[in-house]
Amino acid sequence: MKEDLLAIGKMAKLNRISITTLRLYDEKGLLKPRYVDPDTGYRYYSIDQNARLDMIAYMKELGMSLSEIGQALQKEDITLIEELLARKNEQLHQQMRQLKARHDAVERAIQSIERYRKSPATGTLSLEYIDRRYAWGIPCPENFYSSGIRSYETSLQALRHTLAQQGLEQIHSYNIGTTIGREDFLAERFVPGQIFLFAGRDLPLRDGAPRIVDSGMYACIYLDNYDDEIPCARMLLDYCRRNNYRVSGDYICEVMTGFHVFDNDPRSMFLRLQVPVAFVK
């Protein structure tokens, strides 16, 4: 009988796998030898078992576990195999979405640092066109304008906690912003509305979706110290009034970079304060 069979070493070489792998498949019930010598314990395989090995290799390349493969092969049910492949297909799509979201987050961080490097000096006022953005956030749990940097950090941690509940990593919370409602800003009432992150359009959220921050002309001012936000915000409002710009939306404080790599000062961050404006003709 053995004359028509392949020894385990030849079977392994023919299929470009190891002898250890064939032994594992035997133990898991995925591929039993056609014959086992009762005296030596040597395993022998038939050439027509290559088709089953090909199916195992194919399922493994699709990311299926050995237990999933064993379940499918044991029942010999093509419908079950289709169901397993469909589930694996969805898992792969989810991984692709997560990887794309992570890639987008890294690109936004790089772009923010590049904008920081090329930004004008602190206190510079400008009128800029800013393209459409997407943002996702939560109501600010504390008024950090009246309570200070510690309250800001508390709000930031609340946002990150909510992101974690959405299944997102901290890398997505690099490009952070906060808002003040238009009417409060015009009245110089510094009460934060939302704390949010600028996100990709396809951020894989479990609940809700990023809102659109419309493109348009924005009056902006740059600063590099957290404590200077309120006086600089007033300078920004005065700039709009002097130039007869109509504030047409909420005030945004955007953290362009928050990497504290230069010193130990927790207030060291580069900010761009901005409000959308329309022109009175």
C-alpha atoms as a PDB file:
ATOM      1  CA  MET A   1       0.000   0.000   0.000  1.00  0.00           C
ATOM      2  CA  LYS A   2       2.821   2.372   0.867  1.00  0.00           C
ATOM      3  CA  GLU A   3       4.226   2.151  -2.652  1.00  0.00           C
ATOM      4  CA  ASP A   4       1.496   4.424  -4.037  1.00  0.00           C
ATOM      5  CA  LEU A   5       1.825   6.987  -1.228  1.00  0.00           C
ATOM      6  CA  LEU A   6       4.174   9.841  -0.418  1.00  0.00           C
ATOM      7  CA  ALA A   7       6.241   9.919   2.750  1.00  0.00           C
ATOM      8  CA  ILE A   8       5.621  12.947   4.927  1.00  0.00           C
ATOM      9  CA  GLY A   9       8.907  14.549   3.864  1.00  0.00           C
ATOM     10  CA  LYS A  10       8.068  14.285   0.155  1.00  0.00           C
ATOM     11  CA  MET A  11       4.516  15.541   0.778  1.00  0.00           C
ATOM     12  CA  ALA A  12       5.888  18.539   2.646  1.00  0.00           C
ATOM     13  CA  LYS A  13       8.445  19.332  -0.060  1.00  0.00           C
ATOM     14  CA  LEU A  14       5.875  18.971  -2.826  1.00  0.00           C
ATOM     15  CA  ASN A  15       3.580  21.509  -1.151  1.00  0.00           C
ATOM     16  CA  ARG A  16       6.355  23.818   0.088  1.00  0.00           C
ATOM     17  CA  ILE A  17       5.410  23.437   3.743  1.00  0.00           C
ATOM     18  CA  SER A  18       7.228  21.954   6.723  1.00  0.00           C
ATOM     19  CA  ILE A  19       6.919  18.480   8.163  1.00  0.00           C
ATOM     20  CA  THR A  20       5.954  20.156  11.454  1.00  0.00           C
ATOM     21  CA  THR A  21       3.006  21.839   9.734  1.00  0.00           C
ATOM     22  CA  LEU A  22       1.754  18.520   8.355  1.00  0.00           C
ATOM     23  CA  ARG A  23       1.994  17.000  11.823  1.00  0.00           C
ATOM     24  CA  LEU A  24       0.041  19.949  13.230  1.00  0.00           C
ATOM     25  CA  TYR A  25      -2.672  19.529  10.593  1.00  0.00           C
ATOM     26  CA  ASP A  26      -2.900  15.866  11.575  1.00  0.00           C
ATOM     27  CA  GLU A  27      -3.265  16.746  15.272  1.00  0.00           C
ATOM     28  CA  LYS A  28      -5.935  19.376  14.491  1.00  0.00           C
ATOM     29  CA  GLY A  29      -7.842  16.987  12.248  1.00  0.00           C
ATOM     30  CA  LEU A  30      -7.393  19.167   9.171  1.00  0.00           C
ATOM     31  CA  LEU A  31      -5.483  16.620   7.113  1.00  0.00           C
ATOM     32  CA  LYS A  32      -5.063  13.046   8.266  1.00  0.00           C
ATOM     33  CA  PRO A  33      -2.401  10.841   6.617  1.00  0.00           C
ATOM     34  CA  ARG A  34      -3.805   8.246   4.274  1.00  0.00           C
ATOM     35  CA  TYR A  35      -1.713   5.618   6.053  1.00  0.00           C
ATOM     36  CA  VAL A  36       0.350   5.435   9.265  1.00  0.00           C
ATOM     37  CA  ASP A  37       2.891   2.628   9.587  1.00  0.00           C
ATOM     38  CA  PRO A  38       1.981   0.726  12.764  1.00  0.00           C
ATOM     39  CA  ASP A  39       5.594  -0.246  13.421  1.00  0.00           C
ATOM     40  CA  THR A  40       7.394   3.063  12.784  1.00  0.00           C
ATOM     41  CA  GLY A  41       4.576   5.627  13.148  1.00  0.00           C
ATOM     42  CA  TYR A  42       5.642   7.180   9.826  1.00  0.00           C
ATOM     43  CA  ARG A  43       2.910   9.120   8.036  1.00  0.00           C
ATOM     44  CA  TYR A  44       2.113   8.628   4.347  1.00  0.00           C
ATOM     45  CA  TYR A  45      -0.089  10.787   2.102  1.00  0.00           C
ATOM     46  CA  SER A  46      -1.862  10.392  -1.212  1.00  0.00           C
ATOM     47  CA  ILE A  47      -1.185  12.834  -4.050  1.00  0.00           C
ATOM     48  CA  ASP A  48      -4.896  13.622  -4.288  1.00  0.00           C
ATOM     49  CA  GLN A  49      -4.728  15.130  -0.774  1.00  0.00           C
ATOM     50  CA  ASN A  50      -2.955  18.124  -2.314  1.00  0.00           C
ATOM     51  CA  ALA A  51      -6.366  19.622  -3.128  1.00  0.00           C
ATOM     52  CA  ARG A  52      -7.254  19.702   0.564  1.00  0.00           C
ATOM     53  CA  LEU A  53      -3.890  21.253   1.378  1.00  0.00           C
ATOM     54  CA  ASP A  54      -4.528  23.891  -1.281  1.00  0.00           C
ATOM     55  CA  MET A  55      -7.881  24.714   0.353  1.00  0.00           C
ATOM     56  CA  ILE A  56      -6.247  24.992   3.804  1.00  0.00           C
ATOM     57  CA  ALA A  57      -3.541  27.293   2.420  1.00  0.00           C
ATOM     58  CA  TYR A  58      -6.165  29.441   0.671  1.00  0.00           C
ATOM     59  CA  MET A  59      -8.237  29.829   3.847  1.00  0.00           C
ATOM     60  CA  LYS A  60      -5.128  30.682   5.878  1.00  0.00           C
ATOM     61  CA  GLU A  61      -4.183  33.408   3.386  1.00  0.00           C
ATOM     62  CA  LEU A  62      -7.656  34.853   3.859  1.00  0.00           C
ATOM     63  CA  GLY A  63      -6.872  35.175   7.559  1.00  0.00           C
ATOM     64  CA  MET A  64      -8.990  32.276   8.831  1.00  0.00           C
ATOM     65  CA  SER A  65      -7.801  30.483  11.954  1.00  0.00           C
ATOM     66  CA  LEU A  66      -7.060  26.751  12.000  1.00  0.00           C
ATOM     67  CA  SER A  67     -10.119  26.177  14.171  1.00  0.00           C
ATOM     68  CA  GLU A  68     -12.340  27.978  11.634  1.00  0.00           C
ATOM     69  CA  ILE A  69     -10.794  25.979   8.807  1.00  0.00           C
ATOM     70  CA  GLY A  70     -11.277  22.754  10.722  1.00  0.00           C
ATOM     71  CA  GLN A  71     -14.910  23.580  11.409  1.00  0.00           C
ATOM     72  CA  ALA A  72     -15.580  24.241   7.743  1.00  0.00           C
ATOM     73  CA  LEU A  73     -13.775  21.150   6.448  1.00  0.00           C
ATOM     74  CA  GLN A  74     -15.222  18.843   9.064  1.00  0.00           C
ATOM     75  CA  LYS A  75     -18.835  19.636   8.184  1.00  0.00           C
ATOM     76  CA  GLU A  76     -18.141  19.563   4.444  1.00  0.00           C
ATOM     77  CA  ASP A  77     -20.786  22.250   3.988  1.00  0.00           C
ATOM     78  CA  ILE A  78     -20.133  24.796   1.251  1.00  0.00           C
ATOM     79  CA  THR A  79     -22.706  27.140   2.821  1.00  0.00           C
ATOM     80  CA  LEU A  80     -20.733  27.169   6.067  1.00  0.00           C
ATOM     81  CA  ILE A  81     -17.550  27.944   4.156  1.00  0.00           C
ATOM     82  CA  GLU A  82     -19.342  30.826   2.423  1.00  0.00           C
ATOM     83  CA  GLU A  83     -20.535  32.192   5.797  1.00  0.00           C
ATOM     84  CA  LEU A  84     -17.039  31.987   7.279  1.00  0.00           C
ATOM     85  CA  LEU A  85     -15.575  33.749   4.254  1.00  0.00           C
ATOM     86  CA  ALA A  86     -18.245  36.463   4.422  1.00  0.00           C
ATOM     87  CA  ARG A  87     -17.407  37.125   8.086  1.00  0.00           C
ATOM     88  CA  LYS A  88     -13.719  37.205   7.296  1.00  0.00           C
ATOM     89  CA  ASN A  89     -14.398  39.588   4.417  1.00  0.00           C
ATOM     90  CA  GLU A  90     -16.149  42.021   6.760  1.00  0.00           C
ATOM     91  CA  GLN A  91     -13.293  41.745   9.271  1.00  0.00           C
ATOM     92  CA  LEU A  92     -10.809  42.619   6.541  1.00  0.00           C
ATOM     93  CA  HIS A  93     -12.889  45.611   5.441  1.00  0.00           C
ATOM     94  CA  GLN A  94     -13.040  46.799   9.057  1.00  0.00           C
ATOM     95  CA  GLN A  95      -9.266  46.481   9.385  1.00  0.00           C
ATOM     96  CA  MET A  96      -8.832  48.418   6.147  1.00  0.00           C
ATOM     97  CA  ARG A  97     -11.115  51.190   7.423  1.00  0.00           C
ATOM     98  CA  GLN A  98      -9.208  51.359  10.704  1.00  0.00           C
ATOM     99  CA  LEU A  99      -5.860  51.419   8.921  1.00  0.00           C
ATOM    100  CA  LYS A 100      -7.038  54.185   6.582  1.00  0.00           C
ATOM    101  CA  ALA A 101      -8.304  56.216   9.536  1.00  0.00           C
ATOM    102  CA  ARG A 102      -4.943  55.784  11.280  1.00  0.00           C
ATOM    103  CA  HIS A 103      -3.123  56.780   8.082  1.00  0.00           C
ATOM    104  CA  ASP A 104      -5.321  59.886   7.738  1.00  0.00           C
ATOM    105  CA  ALA A 105      -4.612  60.811  11.376  1.00  0.00           C
ATOM    106  CA  VAL A 106      -0.858  60.573  10.822  1.00  0.00           C
ATOM    107  CA  GLU A 107      -1.114  62.679   7.657  1.00  0.00           C
ATOM    108  CA  ARG A 108      -3.115  65.360   9.502  1.00  0.00           C
ATOM    109  CA  ALA A 109      -0.491  65.446  12.246  1.00  0.00           C
ATOM    110  CA  ILE A 110       2.255  65.898   9.630  1.00  0.00           C
ATOM    111  CA  GLN A 111       0.253  68.646   7.922  1.00  0.00           C
ATOM    112  CA  SER A 112      -0.316  70.411  11.252  1.00  0.00           C
ATOM    113  CA  ILE A 113       3.393  70.423  12.022  1.00  0.00           C
ATOM    114  CA  GLU A 114       4.133  71.679   8.515  1.00  0.00           C
ATOM    115  CA  ARG A 115       1.572  74.486   8.955  1.00  0.00           C
ATOM    116  CA  TYR A 116       3.188  75.292  12.303  1.00  0.00           C
ATOM    117  CA  ARG A 117       6.647  75.520  10.716  1.00  0.00           C
ATOM    118  CA  LYS A 118       5.356  77.814   7.983  1.00  0.00           C
ATOM    119  CA  SER A 119       3.014  79.886  10.123  1.00  0.00           C
ATOM    120  CA  PRO A 120       3.569  83.608  10.718  1.00  0.00           C
ATOM    121  CA  ALA A 121       4.898  85.018  13.974  1.00  0.00           C
ATOM    122  CA  THR A 122       2.809  85.140  17.117  1.00  0.00           C
ATOM    123  CA  GLY A 123       0.268  87.959  17.027  1.00  0.00           C
ATOM    124  CA  THR A 124       0.046  88.035  13.234  1.00  0.00           C
ATOM    125  CA  LEU A 125      -3.456  88.726  11.931  1.00  0.00           C
ATOM    126  CA  SER A 126      -4.456  87.409   8.534  1.00  0.00           C
ATOM    127  CA  LEU A 127      -7.358  86.700   6.237  1.00  0.00           C
ATOM    128  CA  GLU A 128      -7.174  83.157   4.882  1.00  0.00           C
ATOM    129  CA  TYR A 129      -9.169  80.743   2.771  1.00  0.00           C
ATOM    130  CA  ILE A 130      -9.572  77.453   4.654  1.00  0.00           C
ATOM    131  CA  ASP A 131     -10.874  74.401   2.850  1.00  0.00           C
ATOM    132  CA  ARG A 132     -13.745  72.231   4.079  1.00  0.00           C
ATOM    133  CA  ARG A 133     -12.956  70.247   7.216  1.00  0.00           C
ATOM    134  CA  TYR A 134     -14.688  67.576   9.266  1.00  0.00           C
ATOM    135  CA  ALA A 135     -14.960  67.698  13.032  1.00  0.00           C
ATOM    136  CA  TRP A 136     -16.272  65.422  15.752  1.00  0.00           C
ATOM    137  CA  GLY A 137     -16.547  66.404  19.381  1.00  0.00           C
ATOM    138  CA  ILE A 138     -18.429  66.701  22.645  1.00  0.00           C
ATOM    139  CA  PRO A 139     -19.736  69.614  24.733  1.00  0.00           C
ATOM    140  CA  CYS A 140     -16.985  71.050  26.914  1.00  0.00           C
ATOM    141  CA  PRO A 141     -17.513  69.693  30.433  1.00  0.00           C
ATOM    142  CA  GLU A 142     -15.762  72.695  32.041  1.00  0.00           C
ATOM    143  CA  ASN A 143     -15.197  76.374  31.341  1.00  0.00           C
ATOM    144  CA  PHE A 144     -11.426  76.333  31.042  1.00  0.00           C
ATOM    145  CA  TYR A 145     -11.395  80.056  30.234  1.00  0.00           C
ATOM    146  CA  SER A 146     -12.317  80.788  33.830  1.00  0.00           C
ATOM    147  CA  SER A 147     -10.617  77.758  35.420  1.00  0.00           C
ATOM    148  CA  GLY A 148      -7.310  77.512  33.573  1.00  0.00           C
ATOM    149  CA  ILE A 149      -5.171  74.909  31.842  1.00  0.00           C
ATOM    150  CA  ARG A 150      -6.094  72.076  34.206  1.00  0.00           C
ATOM    151  CA  SER A 151      -9.747  72.378  33.181  1.00  0.00           C
ATOM    152  CA  TYR A 152      -8.695  72.325  29.535  1.00  0.00           C
ATOM    153  CA  GLU A 153      -6.775  69.094  30.131  1.00  0.00           C
ATOM    154  CA  THR A 154      -9.846  67.660  31.885  1.00  0.00           C
ATOM    155  CA  SER A 155     -11.973  68.493  28.836  1.00  0.00           C
ATOM    156  CA  LEU A 156      -9.368  66.965  26.534  1.00  0.00           C
ATOM    157  CA  GLN A 157      -9.311  63.748  28.546  1.00  0.00           C
ATOM    158  CA  ALA A 158     -13.115  63.631  28.428  1.00  0.00           C
ATOM    159  CA  LEU A 159     -12.922  63.831  24.617  1.00  0.00           C
ATOM    160  CA  ARG A 160     -10.302  61.088  24.482  1.00  0.00           C
ATOM    161  CA  HIS A 161     -12.372  58.911  26.807  1.00  0.00           C
ATOM    162  CA  THR A 162     -15.365  59.321  24.497  1.00  0.00           C
ATOM    163  CA  LEU A 163     -13.185  58.467  21.506  1.00  0.00           C
ATOM    164  CA  ALA A 164     -12.016  55.304  23.259  1.00  0.00           C
ATOM    165  CA  GLN A 165     -15.655  54.341  23.776  1.00  0.00           C
ATOM    166  CA  GLN A 166     -16.071  54.786  20.016  1.00  0.00           C
ATOM    167  CA  GLY A 167     -13.213  52.326  19.497  1.00  0.00           C
ATOM    168  CA  LEU A 168     -10.732  54.955  18.294  1.00  0.00           C
ATOM    169  CA  GLU A 169      -7.087  55.291  19.286  1.00  0.00           C
ATOM    170  CA  GLN A 170      -5.524  58.385  20.841  1.00  0.00           C
ATOM    171  CA  ILE A 171      -3.670  59.121  17.598  1.00  0.00           C
ATOM    172  CA  HIS A 172      -6.948  60.516  16.231  1.00  0.00           C
ATOM    173  CA  SER A 173      -6.998  63.225  18.917  1.00  0.00           C
ATOM    174  CA  TYR A 174      -3.936  65.139  17.775  1.00  0.00           C
ATOM    175  CA  ASN A 175      -5.523  68.021  15.830  1.00  0.00           C
ATOM    176  CA  ILE A 176      -7.834  69.438  18.534  1.00  0.00           C
ATOM    177  CA  GLY A 177     -10.098  72.464  18.467  1.00  0.00           C
ATOM    178  CA  THR A 178     -12.548  74.246  20.739  1.00  0.00           C
ATOM    179  CA  THR A 179     -15.418  76.547  19.880  1.00  0.00           C
ATOM    180  CA  ILE A 180     -17.240  79.562  21.225  1.00  0.00           C
ATOM    181  CA  GLY A 181     -20.695  80.286  19.827  1.00  0.00           C
ATOM    182  CA  ARG A 182     -20.907  83.241  17.443  1.00  0.00           C
ATOM    183  CA  GLU A 183     -23.131  85.354  19.712  1.00  0.00           C
ATOM    184  CA  ASP A 184     -20.947  84.713  22.766  1.00  0.00           C
ATOM    185  CA  PHE A 185     -17.838  85.623  20.789  1.00  0.00           C
ATOM    186  CA  LEU A 186     -19.356  88.868  19.521  1.00  0.00           C
ATOM    187  CA  ALA A 187     -20.375  89.745  23.096  1.00  0.00           C
ATOM    188  CA  GLU A 188     -16.868  88.783  24.326  1.00  0.00           C
ATOM    189  CA  ARG A 189     -18.330  86.098  26.592  1.00  0.00           C
ATOM    190  CA  PHE A 190     -15.702  83.391  26.769  1.00  0.00           C
ATOM    191  CA  VAL A 191     -17.754  80.269  27.315  1.00  0.00           C
ATOM    192  CA  PRO A 192     -16.519  77.172  25.435  1.00  0.00           C
ATOM    193  CA  GLY A 193     -19.062  75.255  23.393  1.00  0.00           C
ATOM    194  CA  GLN A 194     -17.424  72.098  22.070  1.00  0.00           C
ATOM    195  CA  ILE A 195     -14.056  70.417  22.257  1.00  0.00           C
ATOM    196  CA  PHE A 196     -13.488  68.395  19.100  1.00  0.00           C
ATOM    197  CA  LEU A 197     -10.989  66.852  16.766  1.00  0.00           C
ATOM    198  CA  PHE A 198     -10.529  67.622  13.108  1.00  0.00           C
ATOM    199  CA  ALA A 199     -11.139  64.231  11.569  1.00  0.00           C
ATOM    200  CA  GLY A 200     -11.218  62.481   8.259  1.00  0.00           C
ATOM    201  CA  ARG A 201     -14.548  62.294   6.474  1.00  0.00           C
ATOM    202  CA  ASP A 202     -14.637  58.514   6.950  1.00  0.00           C
ATOM    203  CA  LEU A 203     -13.654  58.381  10.609  1.00  0.00           C
ATOM    204  CA  PRO A 204     -14.941  54.936  11.715  1.00  0.00           C
ATOM    205  CA  LEU A 205     -17.288  56.062  14.493  1.00  0.00           C
ATOM    206  CA  ARG A 206     -19.791  53.759  16.131  1.00  0.00           C
ATOM    207  CA  ASP A 207     -22.241  56.585  16.801  1.00  0.00           C
ATOM    208  CA  GLY A 208     -22.875  59.736  14.809  1.00  0.00           C
ATOM    209  CA  ALA A 209     -20.664  61.157  12.083  1.00  0.00           C
ATOM    210  CA  PRO A 210     -18.230  64.071  11.777  1.00  0.00           C
ATOM    211  CA  ARG A 211     -19.917  67.408  11.098  1.00  0.00           C
ATOM    212  CA  ILE A 212     -18.845  69.621   8.231  1.00  0.00           C
ATOM    213  CA  VAL A 213     -16.912  72.808   8.964  1.00  0.00           C
ATOM    214  CA  ASP A 214     -17.609  74.807   5.841  1.00  0.00           C
ATOM    215  CA  SER A 215     -14.861  76.153   3.639  1.00  0.00           C
ATOM    216  CA  GLY A 216     -14.546  79.902   3.301  1.00  0.00           C
ATOM    217  CA  MET A 217     -12.643  83.003   4.313  1.00  0.00           C
ATOM    218  CA  TYR A 218     -11.481  83.107   7.904  1.00  0.00           C
ATOM    219  CA  ALA A 219      -9.995  85.919   9.946  1.00  0.00           C
ATOM    220  CA  CYS A 220      -7.101  84.373  11.867  1.00  0.00           C
ATOM    221  CA  ILE A 221      -4.506  85.181  14.482  1.00  0.00           C
ATOM    222  CA  TYR A 222      -1.590  83.001  15.594  1.00  0.00           C
ATOM    223  CA  LEU A 223      -0.187  82.583  19.088  1.00  0.00           C
ATOM    224  CA  ASP A 224       2.143  80.250  20.957  1.00  0.00           C
ATOM    225  CA  ASN A 225       0.902  80.503  24.533  1.00  0.00           C
ATOM    226  CA  TYR A 226      -2.307  79.132  25.999  1.00  0.00           C
ATOM    227  CA  ASP A 227      -2.638  82.066  28.400  1.00  0.00           C
ATOM    228  CA  ASP A 228      -2.740  84.564  25.513  1.00  0.00           C
ATOM    229  CA  GLU A 229      -5.897  83.177  23.896  1.00  0.00           C
ATOM    230  CA  ILE A 230      -8.423  85.622  25.375  1.00  0.00           C
ATOM    231  CA  PRO A 231      -6.462  88.818  24.593  1.00  0.00           C
ATOM    232  CA  CYS A 232      -5.667  87.504  21.116  1.00  0.00           C
ATOM    233  CA  ALA A 233      -9.333  86.569  20.567  1.00  0.00           C
ATOM    234  CA  ARG A 234     -10.241  90.175  21.414  1.00  0.00           C
ATOM    235  CA  MET A 235      -7.603  91.374  18.934  1.00  0.00           C
ATOM    236  CA  LEU A 236      -9.198  89.103  16.327  1.00  0.00           C
ATOM    237  CA  LEU A 237     -12.664  90.526  16.986  1.00  0.00           C
ATOM    238  CA  ASP A 238     -11.303  94.063  16.793  1.00  0.00           C
ATOM    239  CA  TYR A 239      -9.590  93.193  13.506  1.00  0.00           C
ATOM    240  CA  CYS A 240     -12.934  92.064  12.055  1.00  0.00           C
ATOM    241  CA  ARG A 241     -14.687  95.236  13.242  1.00  0.00           C
ATOM    242  CA  ARG A 242     -11.999  97.553  11.897  1.00  0.00           C
ATOM    243  CA  ASN A 243     -12.120  95.904   8.479  1.00  0.00           C
ATOM    244  CA  ASN A 244     -15.908  95.708   8.416  1.00  0.00           C
ATOM    245  CA  TYR A 245     -15.868  91.891   8.270  1.00  0.00           C
ATOM    246  CA  ARG A 246     -19.081  90.212   9.398  1.00  0.00           C
ATOM    247  CA  VAL A 247     -18.478  87.232  11.672  1.00  0.00           C
ATOM    248  CA  SER A 248     -20.630  84.518  10.093  1.00  0.00           C
ATOM    249  CA  GLY A 249     -20.055  81.520  12.345  1.00  0.00           C
ATOM    250  CA  ASP A 250     -18.570  80.151  15.531  1.00  0.00           C
ATOM    251  CA  TYR A 251     -15.124  81.039  16.812  1.00  0.00           C
ATOM    252  CA  ILE A 252     -12.581  78.195  16.651  1.00  0.00           C
ATOM    253  CA  CYS A 253      -9.355  77.782  18.572  1.00  0.00           C
ATOM    254  CA  GLU A 254      -7.271  75.204  16.702  1.00  0.00           C
ATOM    255  CA  VAL A 255      -4.271  73.525  18.326  1.00  0.00           C
ATOM    256  CA  MET A 256      -1.904  73.354  15.363  1.00  0.00           C
ATOM    257  CA  THR A 257       0.739  71.496  17.324  1.00  0.00           C
ATOM    258  CA  GLY A 258       0.734  70.279  20.889  1.00  0.00           C
ATOM    259  CA  PHE A 259       3.955  68.257  20.934  1.00  0.00           C
ATOM    260  CA  HIS A 260       5.724  69.395  24.110  1.00  0.00           C
ATOM    261  CA  VAL A 261       9.179  68.470  22.912  1.00  0.00           C
ATOM    262  CA  PHE A 262      10.975  71.774  23.363  1.00  0.00           C
ATOM    263  CA  ASP A 263      10.473  72.452  27.093  1.00  0.00           C
ATOM    264  CA  ASN A 264       8.449  71.434  30.109  1.00  0.00           C
ATOM    265  CA  ASP A 265       5.968  74.310  29.940  1.00  0.00           C
ATOM    266  CA  PRO A 266       2.441  72.803  29.716  1.00  0.00           C
ATOM    267  CA  ARG A 267       1.213  76.067  28.148  1.00  0.00           C
ATOM    268  CA  SER A 268       3.589  75.753  25.206  1.00  0.00           C
ATOM    269  CA  MET A 269       1.393  75.060  22.167  1.00  0.00           C
ATOM    270  CA  PHE A 270       0.879  76.784  18.855  1.00  0.00           C
ATOM    271  CA  LEU A 271      -2.673  77.961  18.229  1.00  0.00           C
ATOM    272  CA  ARG A 272      -4.613  79.448  15.334  1.00  0.00           C
ATOM    273  CA  LEU A 273      -7.674  81.411  16.392  1.00  0.00           C
ATOM    274  CA  GLN A 274     -10.181  81.779  13.572  1.00  0.00           C
ATOM    275  CA  VAL A 275     -13.675  82.949  12.713  1.00  0.00           C
ATOM    276  CA  PRO A 276     -15.488  82.597   9.386  1.00  0.00           C
ATOM    277  CA  VAL A 277     -16.240  86.003   7.899  1.00  0.00           C
ATOM    278  CA  ALA A 278     -18.431  87.486   5.202  1.00  0.00           C
ATOM    279  CA  PHE A 279     -17.893  90.822   3.531  1.00  0.00           C
ATOM    280  CA  VAL A 280     -20.258  93.757   3.728  1.00  0.00           C
ATOM    281  CA  LYS A 281     -20.601  95.256   0.250  1.00  0.00           C
END
